[in-house]
Protein backbone atom coordinates (compact mmCIF):
# COMPACT_ATOMS: atom_id res chain seq x y z
CA MET A 1 128.83 97.54 121.69
CA THR A 2 126.82 97.48 125.01
CA ARG A 3 124.98 100.59 126.10
CA PHE A 4 125.53 101.95 129.55
CA ARG A 5 123.41 104.59 132.05
CA PHE A 6 125.73 107.00 133.61
CA VAL A 7 125.44 109.11 136.26
CA ALA A 8 128.39 111.77 136.65
CA ASN A 9 129.24 115.25 138.31
CA ARG A 10 130.86 117.94 136.13
CA MET A 11 133.29 120.14 137.50
CA ASP A 12 131.40 122.89 138.47
CA GLY A 13 129.22 120.28 140.76
CA GLY A 14 126.33 119.74 138.25
CA VAL A 15 124.85 116.14 137.84
CA VAL A 16 124.82 114.87 134.30
CA ASN A 17 122.50 111.62 133.56
CA GLY A 18 123.30 110.11 129.77
CA PHE A 19 124.16 107.18 128.15
CA VAL A 20 127.50 105.67 126.41
CA GLU A 21 128.03 102.63 124.06
CA ALA A 22 131.09 100.55 125.34
CA GLN A 23 132.31 96.91 125.50
CA SER A 24 132.43 96.97 129.27
CA VAL A 25 131.69 98.95 132.45
CA ASP A 26 135.43 100.25 132.69
CA GLU A 27 135.62 101.20 129.19
CA ALA A 28 132.22 103.01 129.76
CA ALA A 29 133.35 104.79 132.99
CA ALA A 30 136.68 105.79 130.82
CA ALA A 31 134.65 107.05 127.84
CA VAL A 32 132.53 109.23 130.58
CA SER A 33 135.77 110.80 132.08
CA ARG A 34 137.08 111.52 128.53
CA ARG A 35 134.06 114.08 128.55
CA GLU A 36 135.51 116.17 131.75
CA LEU A 37 133.22 114.40 133.98
CA PHE A 38 133.71 112.51 137.20
CA PRO A 39 131.34 109.24 136.60
CA THR A 40 129.38 108.26 139.97
CA ALA A 41 127.32 105.27 138.69
CA VAL A 42 127.71 103.11 135.51
CA LYS A 43 125.14 100.34 134.89
CA ARG A 44 124.47 98.46 131.82
CA VAL A 45 120.90 99.22 130.26
CA ASP A 46 118.90 95.64 130.03
CA GLN A 47 115.78 94.36 131.17
CA ALA A 48 116.64 94.81 134.70
CA THR A 49 117.34 98.81 134.69
CA GLU A 50 114.95 99.72 132.07
CA PRO A 51 111.39 100.74 132.97
CA TRP A 52 108.80 98.30 132.44
CA TRP A 53 107.27 100.37 129.80
CA LYS A 54 110.21 100.30 127.64
CA ARG A 55 111.13 96.83 127.54
CA PRO A 56 110.08 94.90 124.70
CA SER A 57 107.06 92.60 125.17
CA ALA A 58 106.99 88.71 124.75
CA ARG A 59 105.33 89.10 121.43
CA GLN A 60 107.85 91.40 119.89
CA ARG A 61 110.98 89.08 120.72
CA ALA A 62 108.66 86.10 119.19
CA VAL A 63 108.50 88.25 116.01
CA MET A 64 112.15 89.17 116.01
CA MET A 65 113.21 85.41 116.56
CA GLN A 66 110.72 84.16 114.17
CA GLY A 67 112.11 86.69 111.47
CA LEU A 68 115.88 85.76 112.35
CA SER A 69 115.12 82.21 111.90
CA ALA A 70 113.64 82.29 108.48
CA MET A 71 116.49 84.50 107.21
CA VAL A 72 119.19 81.83 108.32
CA GLU A 73 116.55 78.74 107.00
CA SER A 74 116.86 80.88 103.76
CA ALA A 75 120.50 80.57 103.83
CA VAL A 76 121.06 84.20 104.16
CA PRO A 77 124.27 84.98 105.85
CA LEU A 78 124.00 85.80 109.34
CA GLU A 79 125.25 89.15 109.76
CA ARG A 80 122.91 90.33 106.57
CA ALA A 81 120.16 88.63 108.50
CA LEU A 82 120.52 90.51 111.58
CA GLU A 83 120.88 93.94 109.82
CA VAL A 84 117.61 93.14 107.67
CA VAL A 85 115.65 91.79 110.85
CA SER A 86 116.77 94.74 112.85
CA SER A 87 115.71 97.21 110.62
CA THR A 88 112.03 95.65 110.76
CA LEU A 89 111.98 96.40 114.50
CA PRO A 90 110.65 98.93 116.99
CA GLU A 91 112.84 100.40 119.65
CA PRO A 92 114.47 99.13 122.09
CA LEU A 93 114.78 95.66 119.95
CA ARG A 94 116.58 97.39 117.16
CA GLY A 95 119.19 98.69 119.25
CA CYS A 96 119.60 95.68 120.80
CA LEU A 97 120.09 93.61 117.32
CA GLY A 98 121.92 96.33 115.82
CA ARG A 99 124.46 95.76 118.64
CA VAL A 100 124.04 92.05 118.15
CA ALA A 101 125.26 92.39 114.52
CA GLY A 102 128.07 94.82 115.16
CA LYS A 103 129.26 92.22 117.72
CA VAL A 104 129.16 89.50 115.15
CA ARG A 105 131.17 91.52 112.38
CA GLU A 106 133.55 92.03 115.10
CA GLY A 107 134.00 88.16 115.30
CA SER A 108 132.25 87.44 118.23
CA SER A 109 129.72 84.52 118.27
CA LEU A 110 126.12 85.08 118.08
CA ALA A 111 125.41 83.20 121.55
CA ARG A 112 127.83 85.41 123.21
CA ALA A 113 126.49 88.41 121.38
CA MET A 114 122.87 87.45 122.57
CA LYS A 115 123.74 86.87 126.10
CA ASP A 116 124.99 90.59 126.20
CA GLU A 117 121.32 91.84 125.63
CA PRO A 118 118.89 89.91 128.28
CA ALA A 119 116.16 92.68 127.20
CA ALA A 120 115.88 90.93 123.94
CA PHE A 121 117.07 87.43 124.33
CA SER A 122 116.13 85.01 127.02
CA PRO A 123 118.60 82.44 128.72
CA VAL A 124 116.74 79.46 126.58
CA ALA A 125 117.25 81.29 123.61
CA VAL A 126 120.99 81.70 124.29
CA GLY A 127 121.56 78.49 125.34
CA LEU A 128 119.64 76.98 122.04
CA VAL A 129 121.74 79.15 119.92
CA GLN A 130 124.91 78.07 121.78
CA ALA A 131 124.28 74.43 121.10
CA GLY A 132 123.28 74.89 117.36
CA GLU A 133 127.03 77.02 117.27
CA ARG A 134 128.71 73.92 118.76
CA GLY A 135 127.24 71.32 116.61
CA ALA A 136 123.46 70.87 116.54
CA GLY A 137 123.07 73.47 113.62
CA LEU A 138 122.14 77.46 113.91
CA PRO A 139 118.95 77.01 111.81
CA PHE A 140 117.85 74.47 113.96
CA ALA A 141 118.55 75.84 116.96
CA LEU A 142 116.77 79.30 115.88
CA THR A 143 113.79 77.59 114.88
CA LEU A 144 113.62 76.11 118.57
CA ALA A 145 114.20 79.04 119.89
CA ALA A 146 111.61 80.92 117.92
CA ARG A 147 109.23 78.50 118.38
CA GLU A 148 109.61 78.83 122.26
CA ALA A 149 109.52 82.44 122.10
CA ASP A 150 106.02 82.24 120.29
CA ARG A 151 104.80 79.76 122.96
CA GLU A 152 106.00 81.93 125.75
CA ALA A 153 104.17 85.20 124.20
CA GLU A 154 100.80 82.93 123.67
CA ILE A 155 100.76 81.54 127.02
CA LEU A 156 100.93 85.03 128.62
CA GLY A 157 98.45 86.55 126.06
CA ARG A 158 96.21 84.02 127.66
CA THR A 159 96.91 84.73 131.04
CA ARG A 160 96.39 88.27 130.61
CA SER A 161 93.40 88.16 128.73
CA ALA A 162 91.88 85.86 131.68
CA LEU A 163 92.82 88.27 134.28
CA ALA A 164 91.80 91.51 132.33
CA TYR A 165 88.08 91.09 133.44
CA PRO A 166 88.51 91.07 137.01
CA LEU A 167 91.10 93.60 137.27
CA VAL A 168 89.05 95.97 135.33
CA LEU A 169 85.88 95.03 137.44
CA SER A 170 88.03 95.79 140.69
CA ALA A 171 89.45 99.05 139.32
CA VAL A 172 85.70 100.19 138.39
CA GLY A 173 84.19 99.28 141.69
CA MET A 174 86.82 100.48 143.69
CA ILE A 175 86.53 104.02 141.67
CA SER A 176 82.56 103.96 142.08
CA ILE A 177 82.64 103.33 145.78
CA GLY A 178 85.61 106.14 146.35
CA ILE A 179 83.17 108.74 144.38
CA MET A 180 80.22 107.61 146.32
CA LEU A 181 81.92 108.00 149.73
CA ALA A 182 83.95 111.22 148.63
CA VAL A 183 81.39 113.22 146.68
CA VAL A 184 77.54 111.80 146.94
CA ILE A 185 77.50 111.07 150.74
CA PRO A 186 78.97 114.17 151.93
CA ARG A 187 76.19 116.13 150.01
CA PHE A 188 73.63 113.80 151.22
CA ALA A 189 74.86 114.38 154.71
CA ASP A 190 74.31 118.49 153.92
CA LEU A 191 70.85 117.56 152.70
CA LEU A 192 69.96 115.94 156.35
CA GLY A 193 71.12 118.89 158.14
CA ASP A 194 71.11 118.64 161.79
CA THR A 195 68.99 114.96 161.62
CA PRO A 196 71.75 112.76 161.26
CA SER A 197 71.77 111.91 165.27
CA VAL A 198 68.28 110.84 164.83
CA ALA A 199 68.74 109.19 161.50
CA PRO A 200 68.40 105.10 161.37
CA LEU A 201 71.34 103.02 161.91
CA ALA A 202 72.46 102.47 158.28
CA THR A 203 72.63 105.89 157.28
CA ARG A 204 74.73 107.10 160.55
CA ALA A 205 76.91 103.90 159.85
CA LEU A 206 77.05 105.31 156.23
CA LEU A 207 77.90 108.94 157.12
CA VAL A 208 80.69 107.61 159.86
CA LEU A 209 82.50 105.65 156.99
CA SER A 210 81.97 108.32 154.54
CA ALA A 211 83.87 110.92 157.29
CA ILE A 212 86.88 108.61 157.49
CA PRO A 213 88.58 109.75 154.06
CA ALA A 214 87.99 113.36 155.14
CA SER A 215 89.25 113.22 158.60
CA HIS A 216 92.09 110.66 158.26
CA ALA A 217 93.28 111.18 154.73
CA ALA A 218 96.76 112.18 155.70
CA ALA A 219 97.27 109.01 158.13
CA GLY A 220 95.78 106.55 155.34
CA LEU A 221 97.64 107.81 152.41
CA ALA A 222 101.19 107.80 154.83
CA THR A 223 100.13 104.05 155.90
CA ALA A 224 99.40 103.20 152.30
CA ALA A 225 102.83 104.92 150.79
CA LEU A 226 104.85 103.03 153.77
CA ALA A 227 103.29 99.46 153.34
CA LEU A 228 104.07 100.05 149.41
CA ALA A 229 107.54 101.33 150.21
CA LEU A 230 108.09 98.11 152.19
CA MET A 231 106.87 95.69 149.81
CA VAL A 232 108.88 97.34 146.85
CA ARG A 233 111.95 97.04 149.18
CA THR A 234 111.23 93.64 149.99
CA VAL A 235 110.65 92.79 146.34
CA LEU A 236 113.92 94.56 144.95
CA HIS A 237 116.23 93.30 147.83
CA ASP A 238 114.94 90.02 148.70
CA PRO A 239 113.04 88.79 145.70
CA GLU A 240 113.65 85.39 146.68
CA ARG A 241 112.22 85.40 150.35
CA TRP A 242 109.11 87.44 148.31
CA HIS A 243 108.65 85.04 145.83
CA ASP A 244 108.72 82.13 148.29
CA ARG A 245 105.79 84.00 150.39
CA LEU A 246 103.61 84.04 147.09
CA LEU A 247 104.33 80.06 146.55
CA ARG A 248 102.93 79.27 149.71
CA LEU A 249 99.56 80.87 148.97
CA PRO A 250 96.91 78.82 148.39
CA VAL A 251 95.96 79.36 145.05
CA ILE A 252 98.32 82.24 143.68
CA GLY A 253 101.11 79.75 144.93
CA SER A 254 99.95 76.54 142.87
CA ILE A 255 99.47 78.96 139.80
CA ARG A 256 102.86 80.38 139.88
CA HIS A 257 104.65 76.85 141.08
CA SER A 258 102.58 75.00 137.91
CA LEU A 259 103.63 78.35 135.53
CA ALA A 260 107.38 77.94 136.93
CA THR A 261 107.63 74.39 136.25
CA ALA A 262 105.92 74.54 132.89
CA ARG A 263 108.85 76.77 131.93
CA ALA A 264 111.59 74.92 133.33
CA CYS A 265 110.59 71.45 131.82
CA ARG A 266 110.31 72.84 128.34
CA SER A 267 113.35 74.71 128.69
CA LEU A 268 115.14 71.55 129.97
CA GLY A 269 113.51 69.77 127.46
CA VAL A 270 114.35 71.50 124.30
CA LEU A 271 118.16 72.23 125.55
CA LEU A 272 118.57 68.81 126.23
CA GLU A 273 117.05 67.70 122.74
CA ALA A 274 119.70 70.20 121.23
CA GLY A 275 122.66 68.54 123.03
CA VAL A 276 123.32 71.08 125.82
CA PRO A 277 125.00 69.46 128.89
CA ALA A 278 122.54 68.28 131.81
CA ALA A 279 124.18 70.92 133.96
CA THR A 280 124.08 73.82 131.50
CA ALA A 281 120.60 72.97 130.81
CA VAL A 282 119.60 73.10 134.48
CA SER A 283 121.43 76.50 135.06
CA LEU A 284 119.89 78.16 131.90
CA ALA A 285 116.40 76.87 132.64
CA ALA A 286 116.70 78.29 136.13
CA ASP A 287 117.06 81.72 134.61
CA ALA A 288 113.97 81.15 132.50
CA VAL A 289 111.38 80.07 135.06
CA GLY A 290 111.01 83.38 136.29
CA ASP A 291 110.31 82.95 140.04
CA ARG A 292 113.49 83.48 142.42
CA ALA A 293 112.39 81.02 145.01
CA VAL A 294 112.20 78.14 141.96
CA ALA A 295 115.33 79.50 140.47
CA VAL A 296 117.21 79.07 143.50
CA ARG A 297 115.86 75.49 143.68
CA MET A 298 116.92 74.82 139.95
CA GLU A 299 120.27 75.84 141.12
CA SER A 300 120.76 73.24 143.71
CA VAL A 301 119.51 70.87 141.39
CA ARG A 302 122.47 71.76 139.20
CA SER A 303 124.78 71.50 141.92
CA SER A 304 123.34 67.81 142.97
CA VAL A 305 123.78 66.91 139.23
CA VAL A 306 127.48 68.16 139.18
CA GLU A 307 128.14 65.74 142.18
CA GLY A 308 126.78 62.81 140.18
CA VAL A 309 123.25 62.96 141.98
CA ALA A 310 120.53 61.29 139.40
CA PHE A 311 118.51 64.19 137.71
CA SER A 312 115.17 62.65 138.90
CA THR A 313 116.27 62.51 142.58
CA ALA A 314 117.69 65.79 142.81
CA LEU A 315 114.47 67.47 141.47
CA ALA A 316 112.68 65.48 144.05
CA SER A 317 114.91 66.47 146.95
CA SER A 318 114.88 70.17 145.83
CA ARG A 319 111.05 70.54 145.42
CA ALA A 320 111.98 72.92 142.59
CA LEU A 321 108.98 71.58 140.22
CA THR A 322 105.58 70.05 140.88
CA PRO A 323 105.24 66.19 141.99
CA LEU A 324 103.66 65.55 138.51
CA ALA A 325 106.83 66.67 136.59
CA VAL A 326 109.14 64.89 138.87
CA GLN A 327 107.32 61.82 137.97
CA LEU A 328 107.54 62.16 134.44
CA ALA A 329 111.17 62.99 134.37
CA ALA A 330 112.15 59.97 136.62
CA ILE A 331 110.21 57.66 134.00
CA GLY A 332 111.99 59.71 131.14
CA GLU A 333 115.40 59.10 133.02
CA GLY A 334 114.53 55.64 133.29
CA SER A 335 113.16 54.98 129.80
CA GLY A 336 116.33 57.05 128.30
CA HIS A 337 113.17 59.70 126.72
CA LEU A 338 113.74 62.30 129.34
CA ALA A 339 113.56 65.09 126.73
CA PRO A 340 110.45 64.15 125.05
CA LEU A 341 109.00 63.55 128.66
CA LEU A 342 110.00 66.98 129.93
CA VAL A 343 108.24 68.54 127.00
CA ARG A 344 105.41 66.67 127.76
CA ALA A 345 105.31 67.51 131.38
CA ALA A 346 105.52 71.30 130.33
CA GLU A 347 102.19 70.98 128.06
CA LEU A 348 100.66 69.24 131.44
CA GLU A 349 101.87 72.19 133.19
CA GLU A 350 100.61 74.71 130.84
CA ASN A 351 97.24 73.07 130.56
CA ASN A 352 97.10 73.00 134.50
CA THR A 353 98.08 76.83 134.58
CA GLU A 354 95.17 77.59 132.44
CA ARG A 355 92.87 75.42 134.45
CA LEU A 356 93.73 76.98 137.53
CA ILE A 357 93.54 80.49 136.36
CA GLY A 358 89.93 79.80 134.93
CA VAL A 359 89.19 78.52 138.18
CA PHE A 360 90.64 81.14 140.32
CA VAL A 361 88.74 83.92 137.79
CA ALA A 362 85.72 81.90 138.07
CA VAL A 363 85.54 82.34 141.59
CA LEU A 364 86.85 85.74 141.83
CA GLU A 365 84.45 87.36 139.31
CA PRO A 366 81.29 86.37 141.19
CA ALA A 367 83.24 87.19 144.45
CA LEU A 368 84.04 90.88 143.01
CA ILE A 369 80.27 91.22 141.83
CA LEU A 370 78.65 90.35 145.52
CA ILE A 371 81.34 92.60 147.50
CA PHE A 372 80.86 95.54 145.20
CA GLY A 373 77.09 94.78 144.94
CA ALA A 374 76.67 94.58 148.93
CA LEU A 375 78.41 97.85 149.13
CA VAL A 376 76.26 99.56 146.72
CA ALA A 377 73.09 98.13 148.51
CA PHE A 378 74.63 99.52 151.95
CA VAL A 379 74.84 102.83 150.43
CA ALA A 380 71.42 102.68 148.93
CA ALA A 381 69.94 101.23 151.86
CA GLY A 382 71.61 104.29 154.19
CA ILE A 383 70.75 106.69 151.67
CA LEU A 384 66.83 105.65 151.26
CA GLN A 385 66.25 105.07 154.93
CA GLY A 386 67.85 108.58 155.59
CA LEU A 387 65.36 110.13 153.10
CA TYR A 388 62.44 108.57 154.72
CA SER A 389 63.48 109.60 158.03
CA VAL A 390 63.42 113.17 157.08
CA ARG A 391 60.25 112.88 154.95
CA PRO A 392 57.64 115.32 156.02
CA VAL A 393 54.56 114.20 157.91
């Protein structure tokens, strides 16, 4: 059973929000109607609709896949393995795996049941399990899926660790500057009394800057809210365009492209090694890259491969992957070792991503220190010059 979120009207005109378990959207709407409600919206609860703070982390998904792989490798029946692993997981993974177990008991394949739970299982994991059920072996497929989930969690963890200090530094610096402008400097202006007109230039500039938030707070907040709303609207309604713009940025674009290439190459490598057809592997890899612009390019690669174009030629013409990955794919295709070289390309791109992030952080940290240091020095200079200007003779 799949969980659906619904919005419905009562007979008295009130609005009801809730959840219902069903096999499809139509069945969910029918279940809501049987409660003497009139459904106006019924959506499946998955990774796209759940709030970000309720989504399972990459590490939790990796632990789930590792447990499931270990149980199946130990010859534990699949239904029993799903139940045991589900009992050890936190929500919402427990509910996701419980629904998967229920569908397997009803006769569904594991891959089909996993596909209905995108919040818990990546497209690559679904593709690997599907290949395992078709002949590669389910224990082998689950082992590969667990390995990939663990590697993804490790990469995300290292990336977040590298960016943690600059983010904290930026937040602390902005809060400090805000406190000085909103609290310290207005009190300093009261101390000056009627003398600001004869105060030094730095002091007068500081007082003007401190007056801006107070006098234009409403306009500033409205402008910021409008800009944020436009950005969110662009991200939600046209993510491909937003991601394409991010790819064009000097450093951030290189990091995103390299990371998406690493995900695509590793997904393609493990899927092709497991026996998944090339077109299907490209489609699953497109869902796993985490960048809509690159995913659209990967879909064009799939269309070209279906039409008979060579895999490396399709990659080169689409600009989906970095030039290094395309060259390694061409060498692998020509030598008959495409899957291993794609995995190798993923390793190189992961190393390149870490290097780029390291360079970005190495430049960002001193830049932030200099910027906030200069602002603090400007504030201190303005205050000190102001105090000296009103010093009694």
